[in-house]
PDB file of all heavy atoms in Angstrom:
ATOM      1  N   LYS A   1     -69.370 -76.934 -71.950  1.00  0.00           N
ATOM      2  CA  LYS A   1     -69.644 -76.893 -70.516  1.00  0.00           C
ATOM      3  C   LYS A   1     -70.111 -75.516 -70.053  1.00  0.00           C
ATOM      4  O   LYS A   1     -70.950 -75.400 -69.167  1.00  0.00           O
ATOM      5  CB  LYS A   1     -68.391 -77.288 -69.727  1.00  0.00           C
ATOM      6  CG  LYS A   1     -68.118 -78.773 -69.671  1.00  0.00           C
ATOM      7  CD  LYS A   1     -66.935 -79.046 -68.766  1.00  0.00           C
ATOM      8  CE  LYS A   1     -66.645 -80.536 -68.672  1.00  0.00           C
ATOM      9  NZ  LYS A   1     -65.472 -80.815 -67.790  1.00  0.00           N
ATOM     10  N   VAL A   2     -69.555 -74.469 -70.654  1.00  0.00           N
ATOM     11  CA  VAL A   2     -69.892 -73.108 -70.222  1.00  0.00           C
ATOM     12  C   VAL A   2     -71.105 -72.564 -70.959  1.00  0.00           C
ATOM     13  O   VAL A   2     -71.463 -71.392 -70.807  1.00  0.00           O
ATOM     14  CB  VAL A   2     -68.691 -72.160 -70.390  1.00  0.00           C
ATOM     15  CG1 VAL A   2     -67.516 -72.630 -69.567  1.00  0.00           C
ATOM     16  CG2 VAL A   2     -68.301 -72.007 -71.870  1.00  0.00           C
ATOM     17  N   GLY A   3     -71.729 -73.391 -71.797  1.00  0.00           N
ATOM     18  CA  GLY A   3     -72.973 -72.996 -72.445  1.00  0.00           C
ATOM     19  C   GLY A   3     -72.869 -72.480 -73.849  1.00  0.00           C
ATOM     20  O   GLY A   3     -73.817 -71.899 -74.382  1.00  0.00           O
ATOM     21  N   VAL A   4     -71.727 -72.669 -74.503  1.00  0.00           N
ATOM     22  CA  VAL A   4     -71.560 -72.221 -75.883  1.00  0.00           C
ATOM     23  C   VAL A   4     -72.164 -73.267 -76.806  1.00  0.00           C
ATOM     24  O   VAL A   4     -71.666 -74.389 -76.916  1.00  0.00           O
ATOM     25  CB  VAL A   4     -70.069 -72.009 -76.221  1.00  0.00           C
ATOM     26  CG1 VAL A   4     -69.912 -71.694 -77.697  1.00  0.00           C
ATOM     27  CG2 VAL A   4     -69.495 -70.892 -75.371  1.00  0.00           C
ATOM     28  N   THR A   5     -73.255 -72.904 -77.453  1.00  0.00           N
ATOM     29  CA  THR A   5     -73.949 -73.845 -78.343  1.00  0.00           C
ATOM     30  C   THR A   5     -73.966 -73.377 -79.801  1.00  0.00           C
ATOM     31  O   THR A   5     -74.177 -74.178 -80.700  1.00  0.00           O
ATOM     32  CB  THR A   5     -75.409 -74.019 -77.884  1.00  0.00           C
ATOM     33  OG1 THR A   5     -76.052 -72.729 -77.834  1.00  0.00           O
ATOM     34  CG2 THR A   5     -75.458 -74.652 -76.502  1.00  0.00           C
ATOM     35  N   ARG A   6     -73.728 -72.096 -80.010  1.00  0.00           N
ATOM     36  CA  ARG A   6     -73.760 -71.567 -81.386  1.00  0.00           C
ATOM     37  C   ARG A   6     -72.492 -70.763 -81.646  1.00  0.00           C
ATOM     38  O   ARG A   6     -71.457 -70.991 -81.005  1.00  0.00           O
ATOM     39  CB  ARG A   6     -75.019 -70.708 -81.567  1.00  0.00           C
ATOM     40  CG  ARG A   6     -76.324 -71.485 -81.311  1.00  0.00           C
ATOM     41  CD  ARG A   6     -77.528 -70.605 -81.498  1.00  0.00           C
ATOM     42  NE  ARG A   6     -77.697 -70.181 -82.881  1.00  0.00           N
ATOM     43  CZ  ARG A   6     -78.648 -69.348 -83.294  1.00  0.00           C
ATOM     44  NH1 ARG A   6     -79.521 -68.869 -82.418  1.00  0.00           N
ATOM     45  NH2 ARG A   6     -78.759 -69.010 -84.564  1.00  0.00           N
ATOM     46  N   ASP A   7     -72.535 -69.817 -82.585  1.00  0.00           N
ATOM     47  CA  ASP A   7     -71.343 -69.047 -82.952  1.00  0.00           C
ATOM     48  C   ASP A   7     -70.794 -68.292 -81.745  1.00  0.00           C
ATOM     49  O   ASP A   7     -71.517 -67.551 -81.081  1.00  0.00           O
ATOM     50  CB  ASP A   7     -71.681 -68.054 -84.067  1.00  0.00           C
ATOM     51  CG  ASP A   7     -72.018 -68.753 -85.370  1.00  0.00           C
ATOM     52  OD1 ASP A   7     -71.661 -69.931 -85.507  1.00  0.00           O
ATOM     53  OD2 ASP A   7     -72.635 -68.130 -86.249  1.00  0.00           O
ATOM     54  N   ALA A   8     -69.503 -68.480 -81.498  1.00  0.00           N
ATOM     55  CA  ALA A   8     -68.880 -67.883 -80.320  1.00  0.00           C
ATOM     56  C   ALA A   8     -67.658 -67.074 -80.698  1.00  0.00           C
ATOM     57  O   ALA A   8     -66.893 -67.445 -81.595  1.00  0.00           O
ATOM     58  CB  ALA A   8     -68.496 -68.968 -79.315  1.00  0.00           C
ATOM     59  N   LEU A   9     -67.485 -65.969 -79.998  1.00  0.00           N
ATOM     60  CA  LEU A   9     -66.296 -65.132 -80.121  1.00  0.00           C
ATOM     61  C   LEU A   9     -65.502 -65.297 -78.836  1.00  0.00           C
ATOM     62  O   LEU A   9     -65.959 -64.900 -77.759  1.00  0.00           O
ATOM     63  CB  LEU A   9     -66.688 -63.669 -80.340  1.00  0.00           C
ATOM     64  CG  LEU A   9     -65.549 -62.661 -80.479  1.00  0.00           C
ATOM     65  CD1 LEU A   9     -64.730 -62.946 -81.734  1.00  0.00           C
ATOM     66  CD2 LEU A   9     -66.099 -61.240 -80.523  1.00  0.00           C
ATOM     67  N   VAL A  10     -64.329 -65.899 -78.930  1.00  0.00           N
ATOM     68  CA  VAL A  10     -63.491 -66.139 -77.765  1.00  0.00           C
ATOM     69  C   VAL A  10     -62.421 -65.048 -77.709  1.00  0.00           C
ATOM     70  O   VAL A  10     -61.602 -64.928 -78.627  1.00  0.00           O
ATOM     71  CB  VAL A  10     -62.841 -67.533 -77.825  1.00  0.00           C
ATOM     72  CG1 VAL A  10     -61.935 -67.755 -76.615  1.00  0.00           C
ATOM     73  CG2 VAL A  10     -63.902 -68.612 -77.909  1.00  0.00           C
ATOM     74  N   VAL A  11     -62.453 -64.274 -76.641  1.00  0.00           N
ATOM     75  CA  VAL A  11     -61.545 -63.122 -76.503  1.00  0.00           C
ATOM     76  C   VAL A  11     -60.516 -63.425 -75.426  1.00  0.00           C
ATOM     77  O   VAL A  11     -60.879 -63.711 -74.274  1.00  0.00           O
ATOM     78  CB  VAL A  11     -62.328 -61.840 -76.139  1.00  0.00           C
ATOM     79  CG1 VAL A  11     -61.400 -60.631 -76.154  1.00  0.00           C
ATOM     80  CG2 VAL A  11     -63.487 -61.627 -77.101  1.00  0.00           C
ATOM     81  N   VAL A  12     -59.238 -63.366 -75.791  1.00  0.00           N
ATOM     82  CA  VAL A  12     -58.145 -63.618 -74.850  1.00  0.00           C
ATOM     83  C   VAL A  12     -57.223 -62.399 -74.837  1.00  0.00           C
ATOM     84  O   VAL A  12     -57.256 -61.575 -75.742  1.00  0.00           O
ATOM     85  CB  VAL A  12     -57.352 -64.883 -75.246  1.00  0.00           C
ATOM     86  CG1 VAL A  12     -58.219 -66.119 -75.120  1.00  0.00           C
ATOM     87  CG2 VAL A  12     -56.813 -64.768 -76.662  1.00  0.00           C
ATOM     88  N   ASP A  13     -56.414 -62.309 -73.788  1.00  0.00           N
ATOM     89  CA  ASP A  13     -55.487 -61.180 -73.721  1.00  0.00           C
ATOM     90  C   ASP A  13     -54.406 -61.289 -74.786  1.00  0.00           C
ATOM     91  O   ASP A  13     -53.965 -60.298 -75.347  1.00  0.00           O
ATOM     92  CB  ASP A  13     -54.863 -61.068 -72.323  1.00  0.00           C
ATOM     93  CG  ASP A  13     -54.144 -62.348 -71.909  1.00  0.00           C
ATOM     94  OD1 ASP A  13     -54.581 -63.431 -72.339  1.00  0.00           O
ATOM     95  OD2 ASP A  13     -53.142 -62.258 -71.184  1.00  0.00           O
ATOM     96  N   SER A  14     -53.973 -62.502 -75.067  1.00  0.00           N
ATOM     97  CA  SER A  14     -52.998 -62.733 -76.145  1.00  0.00           C
ATOM     98  C   SER A  14     -53.135 -64.166 -76.635  1.00  0.00           C
ATOM     99  O   SER A  14     -53.360 -65.091 -75.835  1.00  0.00           O
ATOM    100  CB  SER A  14     -51.564 -62.483 -75.659  1.00  0.00           C
ATOM    101  OG  SER A  14     -51.238 -63.358 -74.600  1.00  0.00           O
ATOM    102  N   LYS A  15     -53.002 -64.358 -77.930  1.00  0.00           N
ATOM    103  CA  LYS A  15     -53.129 -65.695 -78.508  1.00  0.00           C
ATOM    104  C   LYS A  15     -51.869 -66.514 -78.235  1.00  0.00           C
ATOM    105  O   LYS A  15     -50.763 -65.997 -78.225  1.00  0.00           O
ATOM    106  CB  LYS A  15     -53.340 -65.599 -80.024  1.00  0.00           C
ATOM    107  CG  LYS A  15     -54.667 -65.009 -80.442  1.00  0.00           C
ATOM    108  CD  LYS A  15     -54.778 -65.016 -81.966  1.00  0.00           C
ATOM    109  CE  LYS A  15     -56.083 -64.440 -82.450  1.00  0.00           C
ATOM    110  NZ  LYS A  15     -56.192 -64.453 -83.924  1.00  0.00           N
ATOM    111  N   THR A  16     -52.069 -67.804 -78.055  1.00  0.00           N
ATOM    112  CA  THR A  16     -50.956 -68.740 -77.951  1.00  0.00           C
ATOM    113  C   THR A  16     -51.095 -69.764 -79.071  1.00  0.00           C
ATOM    114  O   THR A  16     -52.206 -70.010 -79.548  1.00  0.00           O
ATOM    115  CB  THR A  16     -50.973 -69.472 -76.584  1.00  0.00           C
ATOM    116  OG1 THR A  16     -52.171 -70.239 -76.477  1.00  0.00           O
ATOM    117  CG2 THR A  16     -50.895 -68.465 -75.432  1.00  0.00           C
ATOM    118  N   PRO A  17     -49.992 -70.372 -79.505  1.00  0.00           N
ATOM    119  CA  PRO A  17     -50.081 -71.379 -80.569  1.00  0.00           C
ATOM    120  C   PRO A  17     -51.042 -72.515 -80.232  1.00  0.00           C
ATOM    121  O   PRO A  17     -51.741 -73.033 -81.107  1.00  0.00           O
ATOM    122  CB  PRO A  17     -48.649 -71.888 -80.695  1.00  0.00           C
ATOM    123  CG  PRO A  17     -47.806 -70.751 -80.209  1.00  0.00           C
ATOM    124  CD  PRO A  17     -48.598 -70.092 -79.125  1.00  0.00           C
ATOM    125  N   GLU A  18     -51.098 -72.899 -78.938  1.00  0.00           N
ATOM    126  CA  GLU A  18     -51.971 -73.995 -78.525  1.00  0.00           C
ATOM    127  C   GLU A  18     -53.442 -73.604 -78.663  1.00  0.00           C
ATOM    128  O   GLU A  18     -54.271 -74.398 -79.123  1.00  0.00           O
ATOM    129  CB  GLU A  18     -51.672 -74.397 -77.074  1.00  0.00           C
ATOM    130  CG  GLU A  18     -50.318 -75.056 -76.865  1.00  0.00           C
ATOM    131  CD  GLU A  18     -49.177 -74.052 -76.870  1.00  0.00           C
ATOM    132  OE1 GLU A  18     -49.460 -72.842 -76.727  1.00  0.00           O
ATOM    133  OE2 GLU A  18     -48.017 -74.480 -77.007  1.00  0.00           O
ATOM    134  N   LEU A  19     -53.781 -72.373 -78.258  1.00  0.00           N
ATOM    135  CA  LEU A  19     -55.164 -71.912 -78.391  1.00  0.00           C
ATOM    136  C   LEU A  19     -55.574 -71.791 -79.857  1.00  0.00           C
ATOM    137  O   LEU A  19     -56.703 -72.111 -80.228  1.00  0.00           O
ATOM    138  CB  LEU A  19     -55.343 -70.570 -77.691  1.00  0.00           C
ATOM    139  CG  LEU A  19     -55.474 -70.598 -76.165  1.00  0.00           C
ATOM    140  CD1 LEU A  19     -55.538 -69.172 -75.621  1.00  0.00           C
ATOM    141  CD2 LEU A  19     -56.718 -71.373 -75.755  1.00  0.00           C
ATOM    142  N   VAL A  20     -54.667 -71.324 -80.678  1.00  0.00           N
ATOM    143  CA  VAL A  20     -54.958 -71.206 -82.110  1.00  0.00           C
ATOM    144  C   VAL A  20     -55.233 -72.575 -82.709  1.00  0.00           C
ATOM    145  O   VAL A  20     -56.172 -72.768 -83.492  1.00  0.00           O
ATOM    146  CB  VAL A  20     -53.790 -70.511 -82.834  1.00  0.00           C
ATOM    147  CG1 VAL A  20     -54.015 -70.535 -84.349  1.00  0.00           C
ATOM    148  CG2 VAL A  20     -53.637 -69.075 -82.362  1.00  0.00           C
ATOM    149  N   MET A  21     -54.405 -73.568 -82.348  1.00  0.00           N
ATOM    150  CA  MET A  21     -54.607 -74.938 -82.848  1.00  0.00           C
ATOM    151  C   MET A  21     -55.921 -75.528 -82.353  1.00  0.00           C
ATOM    152  O   MET A  21     -56.626 -76.208 -83.096  1.00  0.00           O
ATOM    153  CB  MET A  21     -53.436 -75.829 -82.415  1.00  0.00           C
ATOM    154  CG  MET A  21     -52.118 -75.545 -83.113  1.00  0.00           C
ATOM    155  SD  MET A  21     -50.775 -76.544 -82.440  1.00  0.00           S
ATOM    156  CE  MET A  21     -51.394 -78.201 -82.760  1.00  0.00           C
ATOM    157  N   ALA A  22     -56.252 -75.249 -81.091  1.00  0.00           N
ATOM    158  CA  ALA A  22     -57.436 -75.854 -80.484  1.00  0.00           C
ATOM    159  C   ALA A  22     -58.734 -75.296 -81.070  1.00  0.00           C
ATOM    160  O   ALA A  22     -59.759 -75.979 -81.076  1.00  0.00           O
ATOM    161  CB  ALA A  22     -57.419 -75.654 -78.979  1.00  0.00           C
ATOM    162  N   THR A  23     -58.709 -74.069 -81.550  1.00  0.00           N
ATOM    163  CA  THR A  23     -59.936 -73.431 -82.052  1.00  0.00           C
ATOM    164  C   THR A  23     -59.996 -73.333 -83.569  1.00  0.00           C
ATOM    165  O   THR A  23     -61.037 -72.998 -84.120  1.00  0.00           O
ATOM    166  CB  THR A  23     -60.069 -72.023 -81.468  1.00  0.00           C
ATOM    167  OG1 THR A  23     -58.901 -71.242 -81.814  1.00  0.00           O
ATOM    168  CG2 THR A  23     -60.206 -72.057 -79.957  1.00  0.00           C
ATOM    169  N   ALA A  24     -58.891 -73.619 -84.236  1.00  0.00           N
ATOM    170  CA  ALA A  24     -58.837 -73.412 -85.693  1.00  0.00           C
ATOM    171  C   ALA A  24     -59.854 -74.237 -86.445  1.00  0.00           C
ATOM    172  O   ALA A  24     -60.432 -73.790 -87.448  1.00  0.00           O
ATOM    173  CB  ALA A  24     -57.429 -73.716 -86.209  1.00  0.00           C
ATOM    174  N   ASN A  25     -60.118 -75.463 -85.986  1.00  0.00           N
ATOM    175  CA  ASN A  25     -61.035 -76.365 -86.700  1.00  0.00           C
ATOM    176  C   ASN A  25     -62.457 -76.340 -86.156  1.00  0.00           C
ATOM    177  O   ASN A  25     -63.284 -77.155 -86.567  1.00  0.00           O
ATOM    178  CB  ASN A  25     -60.504 -77.804 -86.666  1.00  0.00           C
ATOM    179  CG  ASN A  25     -59.283 -77.973 -87.565  1.00  0.00           C
ATOM    180  OD1 ASN A  25     -59.130 -77.268 -88.557  1.00  0.00           O
ATOM    181  ND2 ASN A  25     -58.416 -78.889 -87.189  1.00  0.00           N
ATOM    182  N   LEU A  26     -62.740 -75.424 -85.235  1.00  0.00           N
ATOM    183  CA  LEU A  26     -64.100 -75.263 -84.733  1.00  0.00           C
ATOM    184  C   LEU A  26     -64.789 -74.188 -85.570  1.00  0.00           C
ATOM    185  O   LEU A  26     -64.466 -73.001 -85.482  1.00  0.00           O
ATOM    186  CB  LEU A  26     -64.084 -74.863 -83.252  1.00  0.00           C
ATOM    187  CG  LEU A  26     -63.500 -75.906 -82.288  1.00  0.00           C
ATOM    188  CD1 LEU A  26     -63.427 -75.347 -80.874  1.00  0.00           C
ATOM    189  CD2 LEU A  26     -64.349 -77.179 -82.311  1.00  0.00           C
ATOM    190  N   GLN A  27     -65.712 -74.609 -86.413  1.00  0.00           N
ATOM    191  CA  GLN A  27     -66.316 -73.693 -87.373  1.00  0.00           C
ATOM    192  C   GLN A  27     -67.120 -72.586 -86.712  1.00  0.00           C
ATOM    193  O   GLN A  27     -67.271 -71.507 -87.281  1.00  0.00           O
ATOM    194  CB  GLN A  27     -67.215 -74.479 -88.343  1.00  0.00           C
ATOM    195  CG  GLN A  27     -66.452 -75.458 -89.226  1.00  0.00           C
ATOM    196  CD  GLN A  27     -67.349 -76.179 -90.200  1.00  0.00           C
ATOM    197  OE1 GLN A  27     -68.567 -76.033 -90.167  1.00  0.00           O
ATOM    198  NE2 GLN A  27     -66.763 -76.966 -91.084  1.00  0.00           N
ATOM    199  N   ASN A  28     -67.643 -72.841 -85.533  1.00  0.00           N
ATOM    200  CA  ASN A  28     -68.499 -71.843 -84.884  1.00  0.00           C
ATOM    201  C   ASN A  28     -67.750 -71.023 -83.836  1.00  0.00           C
ATOM    202  O   ASN A  28     -68.368 -70.320 -83.045  1.00  0.00           O
ATOM    203  CB  ASN A  28     -69.689 -72.531 -84.218  1.00  0.00           C
ATOM    204  CG  ASN A  28     -69.260 -73.464 -83.096  1.00  0.00           C
ATOM    205  OD1 ASN A  28     -68.204 -74.083 -83.190  1.00  0.00           O
ATOM    206  ND2 ASN A  28     -70.065 -73.578 -82.061  1.00  0.00           N
ATOM    207  N   VAL A  29     -66.411 -71.101 -83.834  1.00  0.00           N
ATOM    208  CA  VAL A  29     -65.613 -70.392 -82.838  1.00  0.00           C
ATOM    209  C   VAL A  29     -64.580 -69.512 -83.528  1.00  0.00           C
ATOM    210  O   VAL A  29     -63.874 -69.956 -84.441  1.00  0.00           O
ATOM    211  CB  VAL A  29     -64.904 -71.385 -81.885  1.00  0.00           C
ATOM    212  CG1 VAL A  29     -63.996 -70.643 -80.912  1.00  0.00           C
ATOM    213  CG2 VAL A  29     -65.922 -72.204 -81.123  1.00  0.00           C
ATOM    214  N   MET A  30     -64.500 -68.260 -83.089  1.00  0.00           N
ATOM    215  CA  MET A  30     -63.481 -67.338 -83.583  1.00  0.00           C
ATOM    216  C   MET A  30     -62.647 -66.855 -82.407  1.00  0.00           C
ATOM    217  O   MET A  30     -63.180 -66.351 -81.421  1.00  0.00           O
ATOM    218  CB  MET A  30     -64.108 -66.132 -84.303  1.00  0.00           C
ATOM    219  CG  MET A  30     -63.085 -65.098 -84.742  1.00  0.00           C
ATOM    220  SD  MET A  30     -63.849 -63.667 -85.554  1.00  0.00           S
ATOM    221  CE  MET A  30     -64.369 -64.430 -87.084  1.00  0.00           C
ATOM    222  N   LEU A  31     -61.346 -67.012 -82.522  1.00  0.00           N
ATOM    223  CA  LEU A  31     -60.422 -66.584 -81.465  1.00  0.00           C
ATOM    224  C   LEU A  31     -59.847 -65.232 -81.836  1.00  0.00           C
ATOM    225  O   LEU A  31     -59.380 -65.024 -82.964  1.00  0.00           O
ATOM    226  CB  LEU A  31     -59.297 -67.607 -81.309  1.00  0.00           C
ATOM    227  CG  LEU A  31     -58.259 -67.325 -80.226  1.00  0.00           C
ATOM    228  CD1 LEU A  31     -58.879 -67.473 -78.844  1.00  0.00           C
ATOM    229  CD2 LEU A  31     -57.061 -68.276 -80.376  1.00  0.00           C
ATOM    230  N   VAL A  32     -59.886 -64.292 -80.904  1.00  0.00           N
ATOM    231  CA  VAL A  32     -59.394 -62.943 -81.180  1.00  0.00           C
ATOM    232  C   VAL A  32     -58.731 -62.373 -79.936  1.00  0.00           C
ATOM    233  O   VAL A  32     -59.124 -62.675 -78.808  1.00  0.00           O
ATOM    234  CB  VAL A  32     -60.556 -62.020 -81.632  1.00  0.00           C
ATOM    235  CG1 VAL A  32     -61.565 -61.837 -80.516  1.00  0.00           C
ATOM    236  CG2 VAL A  32     -60.042 -60.667 -82.088  1.00  0.00           C
ATOM    237  N   SER A  33     -57.687 -61.580 -80.153  1.00  0.00           N
ATOM    238  CA  SER A  33     -57.040 -60.883 -79.048  1.00  0.00           C
ATOM    239  C   SER A  33     -57.890 -59.686 -78.641  1.00  0.00           C
ATOM    240  O   SER A  33     -58.567 -59.079 -79.484  1.00  0.00           O
ATOM    241  CB  SER A  33     -55.640 -60.422 -79.449  1.00  0.00           C
ATOM    242  OG  SER A  33     -54.817 -61.531 -79.769  1.00  0.00           O
ATOM    243  N   ALA A  34     -57.849 -59.339 -77.365  1.00  0.00           N
ATOM    244  CA  ALA A  34     -58.713 -58.284 -76.840  1.00  0.00           C
ATOM    245  C   ALA A  34     -58.522 -56.959 -77.560  1.00  0.00           C
ATOM    246  O   ALA A  34     -59.485 -56.233 -77.814  1.00  0.00           O
ATOM    247  CB  ALA A  34     -58.458 -58.116 -75.337  1.00  0.00           C
ATOM    248  N   GLN A  35     -57.295 -56.627 -77.938  1.00  0.00           N
ATOM    249  CA  GLN A  35     -57.039 -55.334 -78.563  1.00  0.00           C
ATOM    250  C   GLN A  35     -57.499 -55.266 -80.017  1.00  0.00           C
ATOM    251  O   GLN A  35     -57.455 -54.194 -80.628  1.00  0.00           O
ATOM    252  CB  GLN A  35     -55.549 -54.968 -78.488  1.00  0.00           C
ATOM    253  CG  GLN A  35     -54.616 -55.924 -79.213  1.00  0.00           C
ATOM    254  CD  GLN A  35     -54.096 -57.016 -78.308  1.00  0.00           C
ATOM    255  OE1 GLN A  35     -54.773 -57.413 -77.366  1.00  0.00           O
ATOM    256  NE2 GLN A  35     -52.893 -57.484 -78.579  1.00  0.00           N
ATOM    257  N   TYR A  36     -57.974 -56.404 -80.557  1.00  0.00           N
ATOM    258  CA  TYR A  36     -58.461 -56.425 -81.931  1.00  0.00           C
ATOM    259  C   TYR A  36     -59.970 -56.652 -82.004  1.00  0.00           C
ATOM    260  O   TYR A  36     -60.494 -57.043 -83.046  1.00  0.00           O
ATOM    261  CB  TYR A  36     -57.734 -57.498 -82.736  1.00  0.00           C
ATOM    262  CG  TYR A  36     -56.263 -57.204 -82.948  1.00  0.00           C
ATOM    263  CD1 TYR A  36     -55.285 -57.918 -82.265  1.00  0.00           C
ATOM    264  CD2 TYR A  36     -55.864 -56.193 -83.800  1.00  0.00           C
ATOM    265  CE1 TYR A  36     -53.938 -57.639 -82.433  1.00  0.00           C
ATOM    266  CE2 TYR A  36     -54.520 -55.907 -83.986  1.00  0.00           C
ATOM    267  CZ  TYR A  36     -53.569 -56.631 -83.303  1.00  0.00           C
ATOM    268  OH  TYR A  36     -52.238 -56.346 -83.479  1.00  0.00           O
ATOM    269  N   LEU A  37     -60.667 -56.394 -80.927  1.00  0.00           N
ATOM    270  CA  LEU A  37     -62.124 -56.497 -80.946  1.00  0.00           C
ATOM    271  C   LEU A  37     -62.709 -55.513 -81.936  1.00  0.00           C
ATOM    272  O   LEU A  37     -62.210 -54.396 -82.107  1.00  0.00           O
ATOM    273  CB  LEU A  37     -62.690 -56.204 -79.556  1.00  0.00           C
ATOM    274  CG  LEU A  37     -62.936 -57.387 -78.612  1.00  0.00           C
ATOM    275  CD1 LEU A  37     -63.502 -56.879 -77.306  1.00  0.00           C
ATOM    276  CD2 LEU A  37     -63.877 -58.404 -79.228  1.00  0.00           C
ATOM    277  N   ASN A  38     -63.795 -55.911 -82.604  1.00  0.00           N
ATOM    278  CA  ASN A  38     -64.458 -55.007 -83.535  1.00  0.00           C
ATOM    279  C   ASN A  38     -65.971 -55.224 -83.458  1.00  0.00           C
ATOM    280  O   ASN A  38     -66.445 -56.277 -83.006  1.00  0.00           O
ATOM    281  CB  ASN A  38     -63.956 -55.197 -84.966  1.00  0.00           C
ATOM    282  CG  ASN A  38     -64.201 -56.595 -85.478  1.00  0.00           C
ATOM    283  OD1 ASN A  38     -65.304 -56.926 -85.894  1.00  0.00           O
ATOM    284  ND2 ASN A  38     -63.168 -57.436 -85.434  1.00  0.00           N
TER     285      ASN A  38
END
């Protein structure tokens, strides 16, 4: 809906178990905490 069509880096303030589960099987999505940006 927000326009993510290819490889995406999702940056959150802190990871939650639910967010990790929701993104773990999305091959084109990487979930990362803000303080671990590189």
